[in-house]
Amino acid sequence: MRGRVSMLRGILASREVKGEVVLVVEGAAPPRVTQLERRAAVEEVLRLKKGGLSLKEAVGVVVDEMGPGMSRSALYNAALERTKK
C-alpha cells in the first residue's frame, strides 16, 4: 500500500492485520540552495584553495559548513570550472 499516513491508518483500522507492518516514511527534502549561495560557496572554495587547501579539501569544508542541500560534486565541478577561466 502507498499513501498518506491518514489514509493508510483508515484502511488498516478497517481490517485485521496479521504479522508485521513496516512503515517507510520519506524524510523532508533537503533545502534548496539559491544561485547566490552557490556563487558564494564557489568563491569560498577558491579562497580556501588559495589559502593552501586542495580543491577537494576546500569543497569538503564549504559543504560541511553549508549543510544539506549543497551538492559536493556540483560545487567541486563549479569551482573546477572557475579555476580554468
C-alpha atoms as a PDB file:
ATOM      1  CA  MET A   1       0.000   0.000   0.000  1.00  0.00           C
ATOM      2  CA  ARG A   2       1.059   3.559  -0.611  1.00  0.00           C
ATOM      3  CA  GLY A   3      -0.471   6.776   0.518  1.00  0.00           C
ATOM      4  CA  ARG A   4      -0.697   9.383   3.212  1.00  0.00           C
ATOM      5  CA  VAL A   5      -0.487   8.206   6.790  1.00  0.00           C
ATOM      6  CA  SER A   6      -4.069   9.338   7.473  1.00  0.00           C
ATOM      7  CA  MET A   7      -5.360   7.294   4.531  1.00  0.00           C
ATOM      8  CA  LEU A   8      -3.360   4.182   5.458  1.00  0.00           C
ATOM      9  CA  ARG A   9      -4.482   4.477   9.065  1.00  0.00           C
ATOM     10  CA  GLY A  10      -8.096   4.374   7.948  1.00  0.00           C
ATOM     11  CA  ILE A  11      -7.525   1.372   5.701  1.00  0.00           C
ATOM     12  CA  LEU A  12      -5.603  -0.580   8.330  1.00  0.00           C
ATOM     13  CA  ALA A  13      -8.165   0.242  11.043  1.00  0.00           C
ATOM     14  CA  SER A  14     -10.890  -1.410   8.997  1.00  0.00           C
ATOM     15  CA  ARG A  15      -9.132  -4.768   8.556  1.00  0.00           C
ATOM     16  CA  GLU A  16      -7.364  -7.356  10.630  1.00  0.00           C
ATOM     17  CA  VAL A  17      -3.624  -7.217  10.109  1.00  0.00           C
ATOM     18  CA  LYS A  18      -1.706 -10.455  10.560  1.00  0.00           C
ATOM     19  CA  GLY A  19       2.044 -10.371  11.035  1.00  0.00           C
ATOM     20  CA  GLU A  20       4.256  -7.358  10.837  1.00  0.00           C
ATOM     21  CA  VAL A  21       3.595  -3.997   9.293  1.00  0.00           C
ATOM     22  CA  VAL A  22       6.516  -1.937   8.037  1.00  0.00           C
ATOM     23  CA  LEU A  23       6.053   1.779   7.667  1.00  0.00           C
ATOM     24  CA  VAL A  24       8.529   3.642   5.475  1.00  0.00           C
ATOM     25  CA  VAL A  25       8.412   7.399   5.862  1.00  0.00           C
ATOM     26  CA  GLU A  26      10.124   9.688   3.413  1.00  0.00           C
ATOM     27  CA  GLY A  27      12.166  12.426   5.034  1.00  0.00           C
ATOM     28  CA  ALA A  28      11.959  16.074   4.197  1.00  0.00           C
ATOM     29  CA  ALA A  29      13.689  17.172   1.040  1.00  0.00           C
ATOM     30  CA  PRO A  30      16.981  18.961   1.620  1.00  0.00           C
ATOM     31  CA  PRO A  31      16.754  22.727   1.470  1.00  0.00           C
ATOM     32  CA  ARG A  32      17.345  24.212  -1.947  1.00  0.00           C
ATOM     33  CA  VAL A  33      20.472  26.263  -2.473  1.00  0.00           C
ATOM     34  CA  THR A  34      19.970  29.568  -4.251  1.00  0.00           C
ATOM     35  CA  GLN A  35      22.166  30.664  -7.122  1.00  0.00           C
ATOM     36  CA  LEU A  36      23.570  33.427  -4.917  1.00  0.00           C
ATOM     37  CA  GLU A  37      24.501  30.905  -2.214  1.00  0.00           C
ATOM     38  CA  ARG A  38      26.091  28.664  -4.835  1.00  0.00           C
ATOM     39  CA  ARG A  39      28.204  31.547  -6.179  1.00  0.00           C
ATOM     40  CA  ALA A  40      29.268  32.477  -2.645  1.00  0.00           C
ATOM     41  CA  ALA A  41      30.170  28.838  -1.972  1.00  0.00           C
ATOM     42  CA  VAL A  42      32.346  28.707  -5.096  1.00  0.00           C
ATOM     43  CA  GLU A  43      34.086  31.934  -4.041  1.00  0.00           C
ATOM     44  CA  GLU A  44      34.732  30.480  -0.584  1.00  0.00           C
ATOM     45  CA  VAL A  45      36.159  27.283  -2.100  1.00  0.00           C
ATOM     46  CA  LEU A  46      38.508  29.331  -4.274  1.00  0.00           C
ATOM     47  CA  ARG A  47      39.557  31.444  -1.284  1.00  0.00           C
ATOM     48  CA  LEU A  48      40.334  28.331   0.770  1.00  0.00           C
ATOM     49  CA  LYS A  49      42.214  26.819  -2.171  1.00  0.00           C
ATOM     50  CA  LYS A  50      44.277  29.982  -2.480  1.00  0.00           C
ATOM     51  CA  GLY A  51      44.995  29.629   1.243  1.00  0.00           C
ATOM     52  CA  GLY A  52      46.619  26.242   0.703  1.00  0.00           C
ATOM     53  CA  LEU A  53      43.856  23.628   0.774  1.00  0.00           C
ATOM     54  CA  SER A  54      43.377  21.274  -2.122  1.00  0.00           C
ATOM     55  CA  LEU A  55      40.228  21.766  -4.164  1.00  0.00           C
ATOM     56  CA  LYS A  56      38.769  18.583  -2.684  1.00  0.00           C
ATOM     57  CA  GLU A  57      39.516  19.704   0.893  1.00  0.00           C
ATOM     58  CA  ALA A  58      38.121  23.192   0.281  1.00  0.00           C
ATOM     59  CA  VAL A  59      34.906  21.772  -1.164  1.00  0.00           C
ATOM     60  CA  GLY A  60      34.564  19.478   1.845  1.00  0.00           C
ATOM     61  CA  VAL A  61      34.914  22.390   4.280  1.00  0.00           C
ATOM     62  CA  VAL A  62      32.327  24.502   2.465  1.00  0.00           C
ATOM     63  CA  VAL A  63      29.812  21.666   2.064  1.00  0.00           C
ATOM     64  CA  ASP A  64      30.137  20.809   5.766  1.00  0.00           C
ATOM     65  CA  GLU A  65      29.512  24.471   6.674  1.00  0.00           C
ATOM     66  CA  MET A  66      26.510  24.833   4.362  1.00  0.00           C
ATOM     67  CA  GLY A  67      24.855  21.579   5.363  1.00  0.00           C
ATOM     68  CA  PRO A  68      22.340  19.610   3.333  1.00  0.00           C
ATOM     69  CA  GLY A  69      21.277  20.975   0.004  1.00  0.00           C
ATOM     70  CA  MET A  70      24.739  21.735  -1.326  1.00  0.00           C
ATOM     71  CA  SER A  71      25.927  19.017  -3.682  1.00  0.00           C
ATOM     72  CA  ARG A  72      29.598  18.201  -3.148  1.00  0.00           C
ATOM     73  CA  SER A  73      30.090  17.155  -6.764  1.00  0.00           C
ATOM     74  CA  ALA A  74      28.244  20.171  -8.195  1.00  0.00           C
ATOM     75  CA  LEU A  75      30.305  22.551  -6.051  1.00  0.00           C
ATOM     76  CA  TYR A  76      33.535  20.780  -6.998  1.00  0.00           C
ATOM     77  CA  ASN A  77      32.692  20.969 -10.706  1.00  0.00           C
ATOM     78  CA  ALA A  78      31.670  24.639 -10.493  1.00  0.00           C
ATOM     79  CA  ALA A  79      34.883  25.561  -8.651  1.00  0.00           C
ATOM     80  CA  LEU A  80      36.967  23.500 -11.089  1.00  0.00           C
ATOM     81  CA  GLU A  81      35.304  25.313 -13.997  1.00  0.00           C
ATOM     82  CA  ARG A  82      36.119  28.679 -12.402  1.00  0.00           C
ATOM     83  CA  THR A  83      39.794  27.743 -11.998  1.00  0.00           C
ATOM     84  CA  LYS A  84      40.002  27.009 -15.729  1.00  0.00           C
ATOM     85  CA  LYS A  85      38.889  30.539 -16.698  1.00  0.00           C
END
